[in-house]
Amino acid sequence: MIATLLVGMLCVYLLSFAVMFLLIGRRLGAGKMGMDAFAVGNLALGIAYVLQLLEGPAGWSWMGVVNHSLTLCALLAYSVGGLRFFGRQAPLLWPLAALALGYALVQITVEWALGPVARYVVLAAMCALCFAGMVVVLLAGLRTFARDLRGEVLLFATLISGICVLNVLKLVKLLAGGLPALGMDDQFQVVFYVYMCSLATVIPPFIVWVVLRRLTDKLRDMAARDPLTQLLNRRGLTEALDARLRRPNAGARLLLIDVDHFKHVNDRYGHHAGDAVLCAIVDVLRGAVGTDDLLCRMGGEEFAAVCPGADAATALRLAEHIRIAVASTVLLQVAGEAVRCTVTVGISRCFDDDASLVGAMQDADAALYRGKNAGRNRVEWGDATARVPAGGEGALGAQSAVEC
């Protein structure tokens, strides 16, 4: 009686959360994050348990065949939902149809060849293998696709491990005691369905929480990045620098990079071409800076590169490399005409905290305007106390006495 009541509660939980997942998926639009697949999984498993209640004692019936097929289909739907949540597109409907039909034929064959106990043994074994596979994939994903959800993934893997163990125990009981081991009055069945009801109560809100966290992270990332170039914006640069500058001896230099005469590009070729030129320049910048450096679009045609730990000579070499690389690159072809641009670069003195960052930006900005006024396509230093040649096309700058 208790197990029957638990199965009824399980049906209500699963079908209710199936509706909730479906509604959430519709609100998410194109980026459903697997919610539609989770809804299908809950629906399939809910219907499977409804059929189990209608079927009565374990044995051969068409309800039992459909029940077992829907159970495996639910596991497949959950797996597809997980793949979609982590950004890996996977088909759902035709694999479900193929699995439902194929496993129905397998059940008929096993029942005919080995008897009813074997059909339930196969289901328990298949469920245990599926859950074990999920756990392995989740744990492996901690180093790759799921590294930003470490705590959530470990908790989810632990919960799935529990139901995997219970299916292994069910398999053992079936082999030892046959179909009577599945009686609804059996103590193991009560434990099994208590755990299943617990999962049905905990996991759906947990999935919603993970989706909300991923959406929040996505919105935070969107707020910190320029939509055209996907570089950090000013806000994103400030946040990234705040983390970098907490490290010991974390001095850095700021390079402000401005595209020369960019208005002429927009006026002559149009703003669409101007956007393409900016994106091409960003590709050049990404290829020039180091892996620890930060790139930012300050606005319009002005960019910034922050070089943690860079001394004066390193900053100068990078600035010259950027200047030469941009000048020598064909950024766009318009009607057979090659579009090229040059940049002027201003280098700040060394800074090591938020307060000195403001001064560094002022240094680099002043150097940038000196370079513009001196003819563009130049590298200029923010500290104008001592001038040194900065090789390349007419580039002169003043080297700061402050070293990082």
Protein backbone atom coordinates (compact mmCIF):
# COMPACT_ATOMS: atom_id res chain seq x y z
CA MET A 1 0.00 0.00 0.00
CA ILE A 2 2.81 2.43 0.90
CA ALA A 3 4.71 1.70 -2.30
CA THR A 4 1.53 2.20 -4.37
CA LEU A 5 0.96 5.57 -2.69
CA LEU A 6 4.56 6.54 -3.39
CA VAL A 7 4.22 5.63 -7.06
CA GLY A 8 1.08 7.76 -7.27
CA MET A 9 2.95 10.70 -5.73
CA LEU A 10 5.79 10.08 -8.16
CA CYS A 11 3.39 10.32 -11.10
CA VAL A 12 2.06 13.66 -9.85
CA TYR A 13 5.57 15.05 -9.33
CA LEU A 14 6.83 13.96 -12.73
CA LEU A 15 3.84 15.17 -14.73
CA SER A 16 3.67 18.48 -12.86
CA PHE A 17 7.33 19.22 -13.41
CA ALA A 18 7.00 18.16 -17.05
CA VAL A 19 4.52 21.01 -17.51
CA MET A 20 6.82 23.39 -15.61
CA PHE A 21 9.85 22.45 -17.76
CA LEU A 22 7.77 22.92 -20.91
CA LEU A 23 6.62 26.39 -19.83
CA ILE A 24 10.16 27.43 -18.88
CA GLY A 25 11.47 26.18 -22.22
CA ARG A 26 8.87 28.24 -24.09
CA ARG A 27 9.89 31.36 -22.17
CA LEU A 28 13.55 30.77 -23.04
CA GLY A 29 12.78 30.88 -26.77
CA ALA A 30 15.47 29.45 -29.04
CA GLY A 31 17.92 28.87 -26.18
CA LYS A 32 15.84 26.33 -24.28
CA MET A 33 18.87 24.85 -22.47
CA GLY A 34 17.41 21.36 -22.78
CA MET A 35 14.21 22.17 -20.90
CA ASP A 36 12.06 20.74 -23.69
CA ALA A 37 13.96 17.45 -23.52
CA PHE A 38 13.67 17.38 -19.70
CA ALA A 39 9.93 17.92 -20.10
CA VAL A 40 9.69 14.97 -22.49
CA GLY A 41 11.71 12.83 -20.07
CA ASN A 42 9.42 13.64 -17.15
CA LEU A 43 6.34 13.06 -19.30
CA ALA A 44 7.60 9.66 -20.48
CA LEU A 45 8.56 8.53 -16.98
CA GLY A 46 5.29 9.83 -15.51
CA ILE A 47 3.23 7.90 -18.06
CA ALA A 48 5.38 4.81 -17.41
CA TYR A 49 4.50 4.90 -13.71
CA VAL A 50 0.82 5.50 -14.48
CA LEU A 51 0.88 2.33 -16.60
CA GLN A 52 2.62 0.49 -13.77
CA LEU A 53 -0.25 1.38 -11.43
CA LEU A 54 -2.83 0.30 -14.01
CA GLU A 55 -0.93 -2.89 -14.86
CA GLY A 56 -1.07 -4.45 -11.40
CA PRO A 57 1.34 -7.26 -10.41
CA ALA A 58 4.50 -7.69 -12.46
CA GLY A 59 4.08 -9.94 -15.46
CA TRP A 60 3.47 -9.94 -19.17
CA SER A 61 1.11 -7.31 -20.62
CA TRP A 62 1.16 -4.69 -23.30
CA MET A 63 1.14 -2.05 -20.55
CA GLY A 64 4.30 -3.56 -19.14
CA VAL A 65 6.01 -3.47 -22.54
CA VAL A 66 5.09 0.19 -23.05
CA ASN A 67 6.06 0.98 -19.46
CA HIS A 68 9.57 -0.45 -19.88
CA SER A 69 10.08 1.25 -23.24
CA LEU A 70 8.97 4.63 -21.86
CA THR A 71 11.33 4.22 -18.89
CA LEU A 72 14.35 3.91 -21.17
CA CYS A 73 13.03 6.69 -23.40
CA ALA A 74 12.89 8.95 -20.35
CA LEU A 75 16.57 8.25 -19.62
CA LEU A 76 17.45 9.06 -23.23
CA ALA A 77 15.45 12.29 -23.07
CA TYR A 78 17.24 13.32 -19.86
CA SER A 79 20.59 12.62 -21.53
CA VAL A 80 19.66 14.72 -24.55
CA GLY A 81 18.50 17.49 -22.20
CA GLY A 82 21.88 17.42 -20.48
CA LEU A 83 23.71 17.63 -23.80
CA ARG A 84 21.58 20.58 -24.89
CA PHE A 85 22.07 22.33 -21.57
CA PHE A 86 25.83 22.24 -22.12
CA GLY A 87 25.45 23.57 -25.65
CA ARG A 88 25.74 20.32 -27.60
CA GLN A 89 22.88 19.95 -30.05
CA ALA A 90 21.37 16.47 -30.20
CA PRO A 91 18.21 15.15 -31.88
CA LEU A 92 15.39 13.91 -29.66
CA LEU A 93 12.24 12.69 -31.41
CA TRP A 94 13.58 10.17 -33.90
CA PRO A 95 16.00 8.55 -31.39
CA LEU A 96 13.10 8.23 -28.94
CA ALA A 97 10.89 6.61 -31.57
CA ALA A 98 13.68 4.24 -32.59
CA LEU A 99 14.43 3.30 -28.98
CA ALA A 100 10.76 2.75 -28.10
CA LEU A 101 10.17 0.47 -31.07
CA GLY A 102 13.49 -1.33 -30.78
CA TYR A 103 13.21 -2.00 -27.06
CA ALA A 104 9.62 -3.24 -27.47
CA LEU A 105 10.91 -5.84 -29.93
CA VAL A 106 13.74 -6.73 -27.53
CA GLN A 107 11.21 -7.28 -24.73
CA ILE A 108 9.05 -9.54 -26.87
CA THR A 109 12.10 -11.58 -27.86
CA VAL A 110 13.43 -11.86 -24.30
CA GLU A 111 9.99 -12.80 -22.93
CA TRP A 112 9.58 -15.48 -25.58
CA ALA A 113 13.09 -16.89 -25.16
CA LEU A 114 13.83 -16.51 -21.43
CA GLY A 115 10.58 -15.74 -19.64
CA PRO A 116 9.12 -12.73 -17.76
CA VAL A 117 11.84 -12.47 -15.11
CA ALA A 118 14.47 -11.92 -17.78
CA ARG A 119 12.50 -8.98 -19.19
CA TYR A 120 12.60 -7.19 -15.82
CA VAL A 121 16.25 -8.14 -15.35
CA VAL A 122 17.12 -6.55 -18.69
CA LEU A 123 15.33 -3.34 -17.72
CA ALA A 124 17.13 -3.12 -14.36
CA ALA A 125 20.47 -3.77 -16.05
CA MET A 126 19.82 -1.19 -18.76
CA CYS A 127 18.81 1.44 -16.19
CA ALA A 128 21.89 0.73 -14.06
CA LEU A 129 24.16 1.05 -17.10
CA CYS A 130 22.50 4.28 -18.23
CA PHE A 131 22.82 5.88 -14.80
CA ALA A 132 26.42 4.72 -14.47
CA GLY A 133 27.18 6.23 -17.88
CA MET A 134 25.62 9.53 -16.80
CA VAL A 135 27.80 9.62 -13.68
CA VAL A 136 30.96 8.92 -15.68
CA VAL A 137 30.15 11.64 -18.23
CA LEU A 138 29.36 14.18 -15.50
CA LEU A 139 32.57 13.47 -13.58
CA ALA A 140 34.62 13.65 -16.77
CA GLY A 141 32.90 16.94 -17.59
CA LEU A 142 34.25 18.56 -14.43
CA ARG A 143 37.47 19.24 -16.36
CA THR A 144 35.79 20.43 -19.54
CA PHE A 145 32.21 21.46 -20.23
CA ALA A 146 31.01 21.46 -16.59
CA ARG A 147 33.99 23.06 -14.84
CA ASP A 148 31.96 26.19 -14.03
CA LEU A 149 29.30 24.08 -12.24
CA ARG A 150 31.55 21.87 -10.15
CA GLY A 151 29.44 21.77 -6.97
CA GLU A 152 26.16 21.29 -8.81
CA VAL A 153 27.56 18.51 -11.00
CA LEU A 154 29.04 16.64 -8.02
CA LEU A 155 25.69 16.77 -6.22
CA PHE A 156 23.83 15.61 -9.32
CA ALA A 157 26.30 12.76 -9.88
CA THR A 158 25.84 11.66 -6.25
CA LEU A 159 22.05 11.57 -6.58
CA ILE A 160 22.26 9.58 -9.81
CA SER A 161 24.74 7.16 -8.24
CA GLY A 162 22.10 6.33 -5.62
CA ILE A 163 19.50 5.30 -8.17
CA CYS A 164 22.18 3.37 -10.07
CA VAL A 165 22.97 1.35 -6.93
CA LEU A 166 19.27 0.70 -6.30
CA ASN A 167 18.83 -0.66 -9.83
CA VAL A 168 21.80 -2.98 -9.32
CA LEU A 169 20.21 -4.21 -6.08
CA LYS A 170 16.90 -4.71 -7.89
CA LEU A 171 18.73 -6.76 -10.51
CA VAL A 172 20.26 -8.96 -7.81
CA LYS A 173 16.89 -9.45 -6.07
CA LEU A 174 15.23 -10.41 -9.35
CA LEU A 175 17.90 -12.99 -10.08
CA ALA A 176 17.57 -14.39 -6.57
CA GLY A 177 13.82 -14.20 -5.97
CA GLY A 178 12.11 -13.75 -9.32
CA LEU A 179 9.03 -11.56 -9.84
CA PRO A 180 7.85 -11.72 -6.19
CA ALA A 181 10.81 -9.43 -5.42
CA LEU A 182 8.88 -6.69 -7.25
CA GLY A 183 5.79 -6.98 -5.06
CA MET A 184 4.53 -3.60 -3.91
CA ASP A 185 4.58 -4.77 -0.29
CA ASP A 186 8.25 -5.70 -0.45
CA GLN A 187 10.44 -3.52 1.82
CA PHE A 188 12.97 -2.96 -0.96
CA GLN A 189 10.26 -1.57 -3.22
CA VAL A 190 9.25 0.89 -0.51
CA VAL A 191 12.88 2.06 -0.16
CA PHE A 192 13.22 2.25 -3.95
CA TYR A 193 10.17 4.46 -4.40
CA VAL A 194 10.97 6.63 -1.38
CA TYR A 195 14.29 7.42 -3.06
CA MET A 196 12.60 7.98 -6.43
CA CYS A 197 10.09 10.38 -4.84
CA SER A 198 12.98 12.20 -3.19
CA LEU A 199 14.72 12.55 -6.55
CA ALA A 200 11.51 13.73 -8.20
CA THR A 201 11.16 16.36 -5.48
CA VAL A 202 14.77 17.55 -5.44
CA ILE A 203 16.08 17.26 -9.00
CA PRO A 204 13.51 19.40 -10.93
CA PRO A 205 14.01 22.50 -8.73
CA PHE A 206 17.73 21.76 -8.84
CA ILE A 207 17.62 21.79 -12.65
CA VAL A 208 15.73 25.08 -12.58
CA TRP A 209 18.39 26.52 -10.25
CA VAL A 210 21.19 25.43 -12.59
CA VAL A 211 19.38 26.95 -15.58
CA LEU A 212 18.90 30.21 -13.68
CA ARG A 213 22.57 30.24 -12.72
CA ARG A 214 23.63 29.66 -16.32
CA LEU A 215 21.29 32.45 -17.48
CA THR A 216 22.69 34.78 -14.81
CA ASP A 217 26.26 33.98 -15.87
CA LYS A 218 25.30 34.56 -19.49
CA LEU A 219 23.72 37.92 -18.71
CA ARG A 220 26.76 38.93 -16.65
CA ASP A 221 29.04 37.95 -19.52
CA MET A 222 26.89 39.87 -22.01
CA ALA A 223 27.04 42.95 -19.77
CA ALA A 224 30.84 42.68 -19.66
CA ARG A 225 31.43 42.26 -23.42
CA ASP A 226 31.10 44.35 -26.54
CA PRO A 227 28.37 42.79 -28.74
CA LEU A 228 30.20 43.42 -32.05
CA THR A 229 33.70 42.18 -31.26
CA GLN A 230 33.02 40.05 -28.16
CA LEU A 231 35.95 41.78 -26.46
CA LEU A 232 35.63 42.98 -22.90
CA ASN A 233 34.00 46.38 -22.54
CA ARG A 234 35.06 48.95 -19.93
CA ARG A 235 33.04 47.25 -17.22
CA GLY A 236 34.39 43.83 -18.10
CA LEU A 237 37.94 45.13 -18.17
CA THR A 238 37.56 46.68 -14.72
CA GLU A 239 36.19 43.42 -13.28
CA ALA A 240 38.89 41.30 -14.92
CA LEU A 241 41.63 43.66 -13.77
CA ASP A 242 40.29 43.66 -10.24
CA ALA A 243 40.92 39.90 -10.09
CA ARG A 244 44.35 40.12 -11.76
CA LEU A 245 45.64 42.96 -9.59
CA ARG A 246 44.95 41.02 -6.39
CA ARG A 247 47.90 38.78 -7.17
CA PRO A 248 51.24 39.66 -5.57
CA ASN A 249 53.60 41.72 -7.76
CA ALA A 250 50.79 42.15 -10.28
CA GLY A 251 51.96 45.34 -11.99
CA ALA A 252 50.67 45.94 -15.51
CA ARG A 253 50.82 48.37 -18.42
CA LEU A 254 47.95 49.68 -20.48
CA LEU A 255 48.08 50.15 -24.26
CA LEU A 256 45.41 52.34 -25.83
CA ILE A 257 45.02 51.58 -29.53
CA ASP A 258 43.09 53.94 -31.80
CA VAL A 259 42.35 53.29 -35.48
CA ASP A 260 43.57 56.22 -37.59
CA HIS A 261 41.04 58.03 -39.82
CA PHE A 262 38.40 55.39 -39.18
CA LYS A 263 35.64 57.85 -40.04
CA HIS A 264 36.91 57.79 -43.62
CA VAL A 265 36.26 54.03 -43.75
CA ASN A 266 32.66 54.49 -42.61
CA ASP A 267 32.09 57.42 -44.96
CA ARG A 268 33.54 55.69 -48.00
CA TYR A 269 32.45 52.07 -47.58
CA GLY A 270 29.54 52.31 -45.12
CA HIS A 271 29.10 51.34 -41.49
CA HIS A 272 28.69 47.64 -42.30
CA ALA A 273 32.16 47.65 -43.85
CA GLY A 274 33.41 49.66 -40.87
CA ASP A 275 32.15 46.97 -38.51
CA ALA A 276 33.90 44.31 -40.59
CA VAL A 277 37.15 46.30 -40.44
CA LEU A 278 36.90 46.57 -36.65
CA CYS A 279 36.37 42.82 -36.35
CA ALA A 280 39.39 42.20 -38.60
CA ILE A 281 41.50 44.50 -36.43
CA VAL A 282 40.34 42.56 -33.37
CA ASP A 283 41.58 39.35 -35.03
CA VAL A 284 44.98 40.99 -35.50
CA LEU A 285 45.03 42.12 -31.88
CA ARG A 286 44.14 38.66 -30.62
CA GLY A 287 47.00 37.21 -32.62
CA ALA A 288 49.44 39.79 -31.27
CA VAL A 289 48.80 39.79 -27.52
CA GLY A 290 49.82 37.10 -25.05
CA THR A 291 47.50 34.59 -23.41
CA ASP A 292 47.58 36.48 -20.09
CA ASP A 293 46.88 39.86 -21.67
CA LEU A 294 43.42 41.43 -21.61
CA LEU A 295 41.79 42.99 -24.67
CA CYS A 296 39.00 45.53 -24.44
CA ARG A 297 36.97 47.69 -26.78
CA MET A 298 36.85 51.06 -25.07
CA GLY A 299 34.30 52.41 -27.53
CA GLY A 300 34.06 53.31 -31.21
CA GLU A 301 37.42 52.55 -32.87
CA GLU A 302 39.45 52.62 -29.65
CA PHE A 303 40.78 49.45 -28.05
CA ALA A 304 42.90 48.66 -25.01
CA ALA A 305 45.37 45.92 -24.19
CA VAL A 306 46.44 45.34 -20.60
CA CYS A 307 49.69 43.45 -20.16
CA PRO A 308 50.17 42.07 -16.63
CA GLY A 309 53.81 41.86 -15.59
CA ALA A 310 55.07 43.61 -18.73
CA ASP A 311 58.17 45.82 -18.36
CA ALA A 312 58.79 48.87 -20.53
CA ALA A 313 60.66 46.96 -23.24
CA THR A 314 57.96 44.27 -23.47
CA ALA A 315 55.18 46.84 -23.70
CA LEU A 316 57.08 48.72 -26.41
CA ARG A 317 57.67 45.55 -28.45
CA LEU A 318 54.01 44.60 -28.22
CA ALA A 319 52.85 48.09 -29.23
CA GLU A 320 55.16 48.11 -32.24
CA HIS A 321 54.11 44.58 -33.17
CA ILE A 322 50.45 45.63 -33.09
CA ARG A 323 51.12 48.79 -35.10
CA ILE A 324 53.07 46.96 -37.81
CA ALA A 325 50.67 43.97 -37.92
CA VAL A 326 47.61 46.17 -38.45
CA ALA A 327 49.34 48.33 -41.08
CA SER A 328 50.48 45.28 -43.06
CA THR A 329 47.12 43.44 -43.02
CA VAL A 330 44.42 43.70 -45.66
CA LEU A 331 41.43 44.10 -43.39
CA LEU A 332 38.67 43.97 -46.02
CA GLN A 333 38.14 43.64 -49.76
CA VAL A 334 35.43 45.90 -51.17
CA ALA A 335 34.73 45.65 -54.91
CA GLY A 336 38.28 44.45 -55.49
CA GLU A 337 39.75 47.26 -53.41
CA ALA A 338 41.93 46.36 -50.43
CA VAL A 339 41.04 48.24 -47.26
CA ARG A 340 43.95 48.90 -44.91
CA CYS A 341 44.24 50.94 -41.72
CA THR A 342 46.90 52.10 -39.32
CA VAL A 343 46.73 52.54 -35.57
CA THR A 344 48.26 54.88 -33.05
CA VAL A 345 49.21 53.37 -29.69
CA GLY A 346 49.65 55.09 -26.33
CA ILE A 347 51.46 53.23 -23.55
CA SER A 348 50.85 53.97 -19.88
CA ARG A 349 53.31 53.86 -17.03
CA CYS A 350 53.19 50.83 -14.74
CA PHE A 351 50.14 50.50 -12.46
CA ASP A 352 49.25 47.95 -9.80
CA ASP A 353 45.86 48.83 -8.30
CA ASP A 354 42.48 50.36 -9.13
CA ALA A 355 43.55 53.82 -8.04
CA SER A 356 46.63 53.85 -10.29
CA LEU A 357 44.59 52.39 -13.16
CA VAL A 358 42.80 55.73 -13.52
CA GLY A 359 46.15 57.48 -13.80
CA ALA A 360 47.40 54.87 -16.26
CA MET A 361 44.39 55.46 -18.52
CA GLN A 362 45.03 59.19 -18.41
CA ASP A 363 48.71 58.59 -19.27
CA ALA A 364 47.90 56.35 -22.21
CA ASP A 365 45.13 58.67 -23.42
CA ALA A 366 47.46 61.68 -23.36
CA ALA A 367 50.10 59.67 -25.23
CA LEU A 368 47.52 58.62 -27.79
CA TYR A 369 46.55 62.21 -28.54
CA ARG A 370 50.19 63.22 -28.81
CA GLY A 371 50.64 60.47 -31.37
CA LYS A 372 47.57 61.63 -33.28
CA ASN A 373 48.80 65.20 -33.34
CA ALA A 374 52.29 64.06 -34.41
CA GLY A 375 51.03 62.34 -37.56
CA ARG A 376 49.41 59.03 -36.44
CA ASN A 377 50.67 55.47 -37.07
CA ARG A 378 52.93 55.88 -34.06
CA VAL A 379 53.69 54.54 -30.60
CA GLU A 380 53.88 57.10 -27.77
CA TRP A 381 54.71 56.77 -24.09
CA GLY A 382 52.55 58.22 -21.40
CA ASP A 383 55.48 59.56 -19.40
CA ALA A 384 57.09 62.27 -21.53
CA THR A 385 60.12 62.87 -19.32
CA ALA A 386 62.63 61.03 -21.52
CA ARG A 387 62.38 60.33 -25.23
CA VAL A 388 63.74 57.25 -26.94
CA PRO A 389 63.26 56.01 -30.49
CA ALA A 390 60.57 53.36 -30.85
CA GLY A 391 61.52 51.78 -34.17
CA GLY A 392 59.25 51.66 -37.12
CA GLU A 393 57.55 54.28 -39.19
CA GLY A 394 58.21 57.64 -37.52
CA ALA A 395 57.42 56.30 -34.03
CA LEU A 396 58.95 58.23 -31.14
CA GLY A 397 58.09 57.87 -27.52
CA ALA A 398 59.23 58.68 -24.06
CA GLN A 399 60.23 55.70 -21.93
CA SER A 400 58.93 55.70 -18.39
CA ALA A 401 61.43 55.37 -15.58
CA VAL A 402 58.93 53.16 -13.70
CA GLU A 403 59.49 49.46 -14.43
CA CYS A 404 57.00 46.65 -13.80
